[in-house]
Amino acid sequence: MLKTLKRMLRNSTPASSKRPEHDITLAVTTLMVQVMQQDDCLDEREHRAIMQSIQDRFSLSEKEAEKHIKLATQAGNKANDLHQFTAPLIKAYSTQERIDIIQQLWLVAMADGSIDPYEETLIRKVAELIGVHHHQFIDAKIQAKASLQ
């Protein structure tokens, strides 16, 4: 029985061990879409903030960015937790790049002119999951707010 279990474990390769760049793009986009959906109001300004952010970060065309947002929305709706979207970021990005992602999440939340408490809670949770400390979380919020003024 033990041999069977060992063989099964050797033959199974977790999906997370082979994550292409597409999965990183999907993970970041999904987190942004999740922030946009937190206040139950799908605001066009938040959508544009996501579009701009992923186009800049991943060098996507407008059509590609729209496709990623659609895929991210579907992935987020199917997800049971955030781990599948945050774990790849820890492996793929440095601490500063993860802080930049938190700042981009703040920009999405702020795009409609107000920050819903649910949006802030989600961003805080993502920050914790990707290893961004509280003071970095606050700094990212301040920098996002300053960039909008």
N, C-alpha and C. Protein backbone atom coordinates (compact mmCIF):
# COMPACT_ATOMS: atom_id res chain seq x y z
N MET A 1 0.82 -1.19 0.00
CA MET A 1 0.00 0.00 0.00
C MET A 1 0.87 1.25 0.00
N LEU A 2 1.91 1.26 0.80
CA LEU A 2 2.81 2.41 0.85
C LEU A 2 3.50 2.63 -0.49
N LYS A 3 3.88 1.53 -1.16
CA LYS A 3 4.51 1.63 -2.47
C LYS A 3 3.55 2.24 -3.49
N THR A 4 2.29 1.86 -3.40
CA THR A 4 1.28 2.40 -4.31
C THR A 4 1.12 3.90 -4.12
N LEU A 5 1.06 4.34 -2.88
CA LEU A 5 0.95 5.77 -2.59
C LEU A 5 2.16 6.54 -3.11
N LYS A 6 3.36 6.00 -2.89
CA LYS A 6 4.57 6.66 -3.37
C LYS A 6 4.57 6.77 -4.90
N ARG A 7 4.15 5.71 -5.57
CA ARG A 7 4.09 5.72 -7.03
C ARG A 7 3.09 6.76 -7.52
N MET A 8 1.94 6.84 -6.86
CA MET A 8 0.92 7.81 -7.24
C MET A 8 1.45 9.23 -7.08
N LEU A 9 2.15 9.49 -5.98
CA LEU A 9 2.70 10.81 -5.75
C LEU A 9 3.78 11.16 -6.75
N ARG A 10 4.60 10.19 -7.12
CA ARG A 10 5.66 10.43 -8.12
C ARG A 10 5.06 10.73 -9.48
N ASN A 11 4.00 10.05 -9.84
CA ASN A 11 3.40 10.20 -11.16
C ASN A 11 2.52 11.43 -11.29
N SER A 12 2.10 11.98 -10.17
CA SER A 12 1.26 13.17 -10.24
C SER A 12 2.14 14.41 -10.18
N THR A 13 1.90 15.34 -11.08
CA THR A 13 2.63 16.60 -11.05
C THR A 13 1.62 17.71 -10.83
N PRO A 14 1.78 18.45 -9.76
CA PRO A 14 0.82 19.51 -9.48
C PRO A 14 0.85 20.58 -10.56
N ALA A 15 -0.31 21.14 -10.83
CA ALA A 15 -0.42 22.17 -11.87
C ALA A 15 0.44 23.38 -11.53
N SER A 16 0.61 23.68 -10.25
CA SER A 16 1.37 24.86 -9.87
C SER A 16 2.85 24.75 -10.17
N SER A 17 3.36 23.55 -10.39
CA SER A 17 4.78 23.41 -10.67
C SER A 17 5.14 23.79 -12.10
N LYS A 18 4.16 23.91 -12.97
CA LYS A 18 4.41 24.25 -14.36
C LYS A 18 3.56 25.45 -14.78
N ARG A 19 3.76 26.57 -14.14
CA ARG A 19 2.96 27.75 -14.44
C ARG A 19 3.63 28.61 -15.50
N PRO A 20 3.02 28.72 -16.67
CA PRO A 20 3.58 29.61 -17.69
C PRO A 20 3.24 31.07 -17.36
N GLU A 21 3.84 31.98 -18.12
CA GLU A 21 3.60 33.42 -17.91
C GLU A 21 2.11 33.75 -18.00
N HIS A 22 1.38 33.04 -18.84
CA HIS A 22 -0.06 33.27 -18.97
C HIS A 22 -0.75 33.15 -17.62
N ASP A 23 -0.35 32.19 -16.81
CA ASP A 23 -0.97 32.01 -15.51
C ASP A 23 -0.70 33.18 -14.58
N ILE A 24 0.48 33.78 -14.68
CA ILE A 24 0.80 34.96 -13.87
C ILE A 24 -0.11 36.11 -14.30
N THR A 25 -0.25 36.29 -15.60
CA THR A 25 -1.12 37.34 -16.12
C THR A 25 -2.55 37.12 -15.64
N LEU A 26 -3.01 35.90 -15.72
CA LEU A 26 -4.36 35.56 -15.27
C LEU A 26 -4.51 35.78 -13.77
N ALA A 27 -3.50 35.42 -13.00
CA ALA A 27 -3.56 35.58 -11.54
C ALA A 27 -3.68 37.06 -11.17
N VAL A 28 -2.83 37.89 -11.73
CA VAL A 28 -2.87 39.33 -11.42
C VAL A 28 -4.20 39.93 -11.87
N THR A 29 -4.63 39.59 -13.06
CA THR A 29 -5.88 40.13 -13.58
C THR A 29 -7.07 39.67 -12.73
N THR A 30 -7.06 38.43 -12.31
CA THR A 30 -8.15 37.92 -11.48
C THR A 30 -8.23 38.67 -10.16
N LEU A 31 -7.09 38.94 -9.55
CA LEU A 31 -7.10 39.70 -8.30
C LEU A 31 -7.69 41.09 -8.52
N MET A 32 -7.35 41.71 -9.62
CA MET A 32 -7.89 43.04 -9.93
C MET A 32 -9.40 42.98 -10.14
N VAL A 33 -9.84 41.97 -10.88
CA VAL A 33 -11.28 41.81 -11.12
C VAL A 33 -12.01 41.55 -9.80
N GLN A 34 -11.40 40.77 -8.92
CA GLN A 34 -12.01 40.50 -7.62
C GLN A 34 -12.19 41.78 -6.83
N VAL A 35 -11.21 42.67 -6.88
CA VAL A 35 -11.33 43.96 -6.19
C VAL A 35 -12.48 44.75 -6.81
N MET A 36 -12.54 44.78 -8.14
CA MET A 36 -13.60 45.52 -8.83
C MET A 36 -14.98 45.00 -8.42
N GLN A 37 -15.12 43.72 -8.21
CA GLN A 37 -16.42 43.12 -7.91
C GLN A 37 -16.82 43.21 -6.44
N GLN A 38 -15.93 43.60 -5.57
CA GLN A 38 -16.20 43.58 -4.13
C GLN A 38 -17.35 44.49 -3.72
N ASP A 39 -17.51 45.62 -4.38
CA ASP A 39 -18.56 46.55 -3.97
C ASP A 39 -19.88 46.32 -4.71
N ASP A 40 -19.96 45.20 -5.42
CA ASP A 40 -21.17 44.84 -6.17
C ASP A 40 -21.60 45.89 -7.19
N CYS A 41 -20.64 46.69 -7.63
CA CYS A 41 -20.92 47.71 -8.63
C CYS A 41 -19.79 47.64 -9.66
N LEU A 42 -20.08 47.13 -10.84
CA LEU A 42 -19.06 46.99 -11.87
C LEU A 42 -18.91 48.32 -12.60
N ASP A 43 -18.07 49.16 -12.05
CA ASP A 43 -17.88 50.52 -12.54
C ASP A 43 -16.93 50.53 -13.74
N GLU A 44 -17.28 51.28 -14.74
CA GLU A 44 -16.46 51.38 -15.96
C GLU A 44 -15.09 51.97 -15.66
N ARG A 45 -15.00 52.87 -14.70
CA ARG A 45 -13.70 53.46 -14.35
C ARG A 45 -12.76 52.40 -13.76
N GLU A 46 -13.30 51.50 -12.97
CA GLU A 46 -12.49 50.41 -12.42
C GLU A 46 -12.05 49.46 -13.53
N HIS A 47 -12.96 49.20 -14.45
CA HIS A 47 -12.63 48.34 -15.60
C HIS A 47 -11.50 48.97 -16.41
N ARG A 48 -11.58 50.26 -16.66
CA ARG A 48 -10.52 50.95 -17.40
C ARG A 48 -9.20 50.90 -16.65
N ALA A 49 -9.25 51.02 -15.33
CA ALA A 49 -8.02 50.94 -14.52
C ALA A 49 -7.37 49.56 -14.66
N ILE A 50 -8.18 48.52 -14.68
CA ILE A 50 -7.65 47.17 -14.88
C ILE A 50 -7.04 47.05 -16.28
N MET A 51 -7.78 47.52 -17.27
CA MET A 51 -7.28 47.47 -18.66
C MET A 51 -5.91 48.14 -18.76
N GLN A 52 -5.82 49.36 -18.26
CA GLN A 52 -4.57 50.11 -18.35
C GLN A 52 -3.44 49.38 -17.62
N SER A 53 -3.74 48.89 -16.46
CA SER A 53 -2.73 48.23 -15.64
C SER A 53 -2.18 46.98 -16.30
N ILE A 54 -3.06 46.12 -16.79
CA ILE A 54 -2.56 44.87 -17.38
C ILE A 54 -1.94 45.11 -18.76
N GLN A 55 -2.42 46.11 -19.48
CA GLN A 55 -1.80 46.43 -20.76
C GLN A 55 -0.36 46.90 -20.52
N ASP A 56 -0.17 47.75 -19.52
CA ASP A 56 1.17 48.26 -19.22
C ASP A 56 2.08 47.16 -18.66
N ARG A 57 1.57 46.41 -17.70
CA ARG A 57 2.40 45.39 -17.02
C ARG A 57 2.79 44.25 -17.95
N PHE A 58 1.86 43.80 -18.79
CA PHE A 58 2.09 42.60 -19.59
C PHE A 58 2.21 42.87 -21.09
N SER A 59 2.26 44.14 -21.47
CA SER A 59 2.38 44.52 -22.88
C SER A 59 1.30 43.88 -23.74
N LEU A 60 0.07 44.06 -23.32
CA LEU A 60 -1.07 43.47 -24.03
C LEU A 60 -1.76 44.51 -24.90
N SER A 61 -2.34 44.05 -25.98
CA SER A 61 -3.19 44.92 -26.79
C SER A 61 -4.52 45.08 -26.06
N GLU A 62 -5.34 45.97 -26.53
CA GLU A 62 -6.65 46.17 -25.90
C GLU A 62 -7.49 44.90 -26.00
N LYS A 63 -7.43 44.25 -27.15
CA LYS A 63 -8.20 43.02 -27.37
C LYS A 63 -7.71 41.91 -26.42
N GLU A 64 -6.39 41.77 -26.28
CA GLU A 64 -5.83 40.76 -25.39
C GLU A 64 -6.20 41.05 -23.93
N ALA A 65 -6.17 42.32 -23.57
CA ALA A 65 -6.52 42.70 -22.19
C ALA A 65 -7.98 42.36 -21.90
N GLU A 66 -8.87 42.65 -22.83
CA GLU A 66 -10.28 42.31 -22.66
C GLU A 66 -10.47 40.81 -22.50
N LYS A 67 -9.72 40.04 -23.29
CA LYS A 67 -9.80 38.58 -23.21
C LYS A 67 -9.35 38.10 -21.83
N HIS A 68 -8.25 38.69 -21.32
CA HIS A 68 -7.75 38.31 -20.00
C HIS A 68 -8.75 38.68 -18.89
N ILE A 69 -9.40 39.81 -19.04
CA ILE A 69 -10.40 40.20 -18.03
C ILE A 69 -11.57 39.22 -18.04
N LYS A 70 -11.98 38.81 -19.21
CA LYS A 70 -13.07 37.83 -19.32
C LYS A 70 -12.66 36.50 -18.68
N LEU A 71 -11.46 36.03 -19.01
CA LEU A 71 -10.96 34.77 -18.42
C LEU A 71 -10.80 34.91 -16.90
N ALA A 72 -10.31 36.06 -16.47
CA ALA A 72 -10.11 36.30 -15.04
C ALA A 72 -11.44 36.32 -14.28
N THR A 73 -12.44 36.89 -14.89
CA THR A 73 -13.77 36.92 -14.27
C THR A 73 -14.29 35.49 -14.09
N GLN A 74 -14.13 34.68 -15.12
CA GLN A 74 -14.57 33.29 -15.04
C GLN A 74 -13.76 32.52 -13.99
N ALA A 75 -12.46 32.72 -13.99
CA ALA A 75 -11.60 32.03 -13.02
C ALA A 75 -11.95 32.43 -11.59
N GLY A 76 -12.18 33.71 -11.38
CA GLY A 76 -12.55 34.20 -10.05
C GLY A 76 -13.89 33.65 -9.59
N ASN A 77 -14.82 33.54 -10.50
CA ASN A 77 -16.15 33.01 -10.15
C ASN A 77 -16.10 31.53 -9.78
N LYS A 78 -15.14 30.80 -10.35
CA LYS A 78 -15.01 29.37 -10.08
C LYS A 78 -14.16 29.08 -8.84
N ALA A 79 -13.37 30.04 -8.42
CA ALA A 79 -12.38 29.82 -7.36
C ALA A 79 -13.02 29.69 -5.98
N ASN A 80 -12.43 28.84 -5.16
CA ASN A 80 -12.86 28.68 -3.78
C ASN A 80 -12.08 29.58 -2.83
N ASP A 81 -10.88 29.98 -3.25
CA ASP A 81 -10.04 30.84 -2.42
C ASP A 81 -9.09 31.62 -3.31
N LEU A 82 -8.25 32.43 -2.69
CA LEU A 82 -7.32 33.27 -3.42
C LEU A 82 -5.95 32.63 -3.62
N HIS A 83 -5.71 31.52 -2.96
CA HIS A 83 -4.39 30.89 -2.98
C HIS A 83 -3.90 30.61 -4.40
N GLN A 84 -4.78 30.11 -5.26
CA GLN A 84 -4.36 29.78 -6.62
C GLN A 84 -3.92 31.00 -7.41
N PHE A 85 -4.32 32.19 -6.97
CA PHE A 85 -3.92 33.42 -7.65
C PHE A 85 -2.74 34.12 -6.97
N THR A 86 -2.58 33.89 -5.68
CA THR A 86 -1.50 34.55 -4.95
C THR A 86 -0.21 33.73 -4.93
N ALA A 87 -0.31 32.42 -4.87
CA ALA A 87 0.88 31.57 -4.79
C ALA A 87 1.83 31.78 -5.97
N PRO A 88 1.33 31.86 -7.20
CA PRO A 88 2.26 32.08 -8.32
C PRO A 88 3.00 33.42 -8.24
N LEU A 89 2.37 34.40 -7.63
CA LEU A 89 3.00 35.73 -7.53
C LEU A 89 4.21 35.70 -6.61
N ILE A 90 4.13 34.91 -5.56
CA ILE A 90 5.25 34.80 -4.63
C ILE A 90 6.45 34.20 -5.34
N LYS A 91 6.20 33.22 -6.18
CA LYS A 91 7.29 32.55 -6.90
C LYS A 91 7.85 33.41 -8.04
N ALA A 92 6.98 34.16 -8.70
CA ALA A 92 7.38 34.87 -9.91
C ALA A 92 7.92 36.28 -9.67
N TYR A 93 7.52 36.91 -8.58
CA TYR A 93 7.82 38.33 -8.39
C TYR A 93 8.64 38.59 -7.14
N SER A 94 9.46 39.62 -7.23
CA SER A 94 10.21 40.10 -6.07
C SER A 94 9.26 40.81 -5.12
N THR A 95 9.75 41.13 -3.94
CA THR A 95 8.92 41.85 -2.97
C THR A 95 8.44 43.18 -3.54
N GLN A 96 9.33 43.92 -4.20
CA GLN A 96 8.93 45.21 -4.76
C GLN A 96 7.87 45.06 -5.84
N GLU A 97 7.98 44.03 -6.66
CA GLU A 97 6.96 43.80 -7.68
C GLU A 97 5.62 43.44 -7.06
N ARG A 98 5.65 42.70 -5.96
CA ARG A 98 4.40 42.37 -5.26
C ARG A 98 3.79 43.62 -4.62
N ILE A 99 4.64 44.51 -4.11
CA ILE A 99 4.14 45.78 -3.58
C ILE A 99 3.49 46.59 -4.70
N ASP A 100 4.11 46.57 -5.89
CA ASP A 100 3.54 47.27 -7.05
C ASP A 100 2.16 46.71 -7.40
N ILE A 101 1.99 45.41 -7.27
CA ILE A 101 0.68 44.80 -7.54
C ILE A 101 -0.34 45.30 -6.53
N ILE A 102 0.06 45.39 -5.26
CA ILE A 102 -0.86 45.92 -4.25
C ILE A 102 -1.24 47.36 -4.59
N GLN A 103 -0.27 48.14 -5.03
CA GLN A 103 -0.57 49.52 -5.44
C GLN A 103 -1.57 49.53 -6.60
N GLN A 104 -1.40 48.62 -7.55
CA GLN A 104 -2.34 48.55 -8.67
C GLN A 104 -3.73 48.12 -8.21
N LEU A 105 -3.79 47.24 -7.22
CA LEU A 105 -5.10 46.88 -6.66
C LEU A 105 -5.76 48.09 -6.02
N TRP A 106 -4.96 48.90 -5.33
CA TRP A 106 -5.49 50.14 -4.75
C TRP A 106 -6.02 51.06 -5.84
N LEU A 107 -5.29 51.16 -6.95
CA LEU A 107 -5.73 52.03 -8.04
C LEU A 107 -7.07 51.57 -8.61
N VAL A 108 -7.27 50.27 -8.68
CA VAL A 108 -8.57 49.74 -9.14
C VAL A 108 -9.66 50.14 -8.14
N ALA A 109 -9.39 49.95 -6.85
CA ALA A 109 -10.38 50.27 -5.83
C ALA A 109 -10.71 51.77 -5.80
N MET A 110 -9.73 52.60 -6.07
CA MET A 110 -9.91 54.05 -6.01
C MET A 110 -10.48 54.64 -7.30
N ALA A 111 -10.50 53.87 -8.37
CA ALA A 111 -10.88 54.39 -9.68
C ALA A 111 -12.29 54.98 -9.72
N ASP A 112 -13.19 54.46 -8.90
CA ASP A 112 -14.57 54.97 -8.91
C ASP A 112 -14.78 56.11 -7.93
N GLY A 113 -13.71 56.56 -7.29
CA GLY A 113 -13.81 57.71 -6.40
C GLY A 113 -14.00 57.36 -4.93
N SER A 114 -14.19 56.11 -4.61
CA SER A 114 -14.33 55.71 -3.21
C SER A 114 -13.80 54.30 -3.01
N ILE A 115 -13.36 54.03 -1.78
CA ILE A 115 -12.86 52.71 -1.44
C ILE A 115 -13.89 52.03 -0.55
N ASP A 116 -14.47 50.97 -1.07
CA ASP A 116 -15.43 50.19 -0.31
C ASP A 116 -14.68 49.38 0.75
N PRO A 117 -15.24 49.24 1.95
CA PRO A 117 -14.56 48.44 2.99
C PRO A 117 -14.24 47.01 2.55
N TYR A 118 -15.08 46.44 1.70
CA TYR A 118 -14.83 45.09 1.20
C TYR A 118 -13.62 45.07 0.26
N GLU A 119 -13.47 46.14 -0.52
CA GLU A 119 -12.29 46.25 -1.39
C GLU A 119 -11.02 46.31 -0.55
N GLU A 120 -11.05 47.15 0.48
CA GLU A 120 -9.88 47.28 1.35
C GLU A 120 -9.56 45.95 2.05
N THR A 121 -10.57 45.27 2.51
CA THR A 121 -10.36 43.98 3.16
C THR A 121 -9.72 42.98 2.22
N LEU A 122 -10.19 42.94 0.99
CA LEU A 122 -9.62 42.01 0.01
C LEU A 122 -8.17 42.36 -0.29
N ILE A 123 -7.88 43.64 -0.47
CA ILE A 123 -6.50 44.05 -0.77
C ILE A 123 -5.59 43.70 0.41
N ARG A 124 -6.07 43.92 1.61
CA ARG A 124 -5.29 43.57 2.80
C ARG A 124 -5.00 42.06 2.84
N LYS A 125 -6.02 41.28 2.52
CA LYS A 125 -5.86 39.82 2.53
C LYS A 125 -4.84 39.39 1.46
N VAL A 126 -4.94 39.96 0.27
CA VAL A 126 -3.99 39.64 -0.79
C VAL A 126 -2.58 40.02 -0.37
N ALA A 127 -2.44 41.20 0.24
CA ALA A 127 -1.12 41.65 0.71
C ALA A 127 -0.52 40.64 1.68
N GLU A 128 -1.32 40.18 2.61
CA GLU A 128 -0.84 39.19 3.57
C GLU A 128 -0.43 37.89 2.88
N LEU A 129 -1.24 37.46 1.92
CA LEU A 129 -0.97 36.20 1.23
C LEU A 129 0.28 36.24 0.35
N ILE A 130 0.63 37.43 -0.14
CA ILE A 130 1.81 37.52 -1.01
C ILE A 130 3.02 38.10 -0.27
N GLY A 131 2.92 38.20 1.04
CA GLY A 131 4.08 38.60 1.84
C GLY A 131 4.40 40.08 1.84
N VAL A 132 3.39 40.91 1.65
CA VAL A 132 3.59 42.36 1.72
C VAL A 132 3.22 42.79 3.13
N HIS A 133 4.18 43.39 3.82
CA HIS A 133 3.98 43.80 5.21
C HIS A 133 3.01 44.97 5.31
N HIS A 134 2.48 45.17 6.51
CA HIS A 134 1.47 46.20 6.73
C HIS A 134 1.95 47.59 6.31
N HIS A 135 3.16 47.96 6.70
CA HIS A 135 3.64 49.30 6.35
C HIS A 135 3.81 49.45 4.83
N GLN A 136 4.14 48.37 4.13
CA GLN A 136 4.23 48.40 2.67
C GLN A 136 2.84 48.51 2.05
N PHE A 137 1.89 47.84 2.66
CA PHE A 137 0.49 47.91 2.25
C PHE A 137 -0.01 49.35 2.34
N ILE A 138 0.30 50.02 3.46
CA ILE A 138 -0.11 51.41 3.66
C ILE A 138 0.62 52.33 2.69
N ASP A 139 1.93 52.13 2.52
CA ASP A 139 2.70 52.93 1.57
C ASP A 139 2.14 52.81 0.16
N ALA A 140 1.76 51.60 -0.24
CA ALA A 140 1.19 51.37 -1.56
C ALA A 140 -0.11 52.14 -1.72
N LYS A 141 -0.91 52.17 -0.66
CA LYS A 141 -2.18 52.92 -0.69
C LYS A 141 -1.91 54.42 -0.85
N ILE A 142 -0.95 54.92 -0.10
CA ILE A 142 -0.61 56.35 -0.16
C ILE A 142 -0.08 56.71 -1.55
N GLN A 143 0.78 55.87 -2.10
CA GLN A 143 1.34 56.13 -3.43
C GLN A 143 0.25 56.07 -4.50
N ALA A 144 -0.66 55.14 -4.37
CA ALA A 144 -1.77 55.05 -5.35
C ALA A 144 -2.63 56.31 -5.28
N LYS A 145 -2.93 56.75 -4.08
CA LYS A 145 -3.76 57.94 -3.90
C LYS A 145 -3.05 59.17 -4.47
N ALA A 146 -1.74 59.28 -4.23
CA ALA A 146 -0.97 60.42 -4.73
C ALA A 146 -0.90 60.41 -6.25
N SER A 147 -0.83 59.23 -6.85
CA SER A 147 -0.75 59.16 -8.32
C SER A 147 -2.04 59.57 -9.00
N LEU A 148 -3.13 59.54 -8.28
CA LEU A 148 -4.43 59.94 -8.83
C LEU A 148 -4.69 61.44 -8.73
N GLN A 149 -3.89 62.12 -7.93
CA GLN A 149 -4.12 63.56 -7.72
C GLN A 149 -3.32 64.41 -8.66
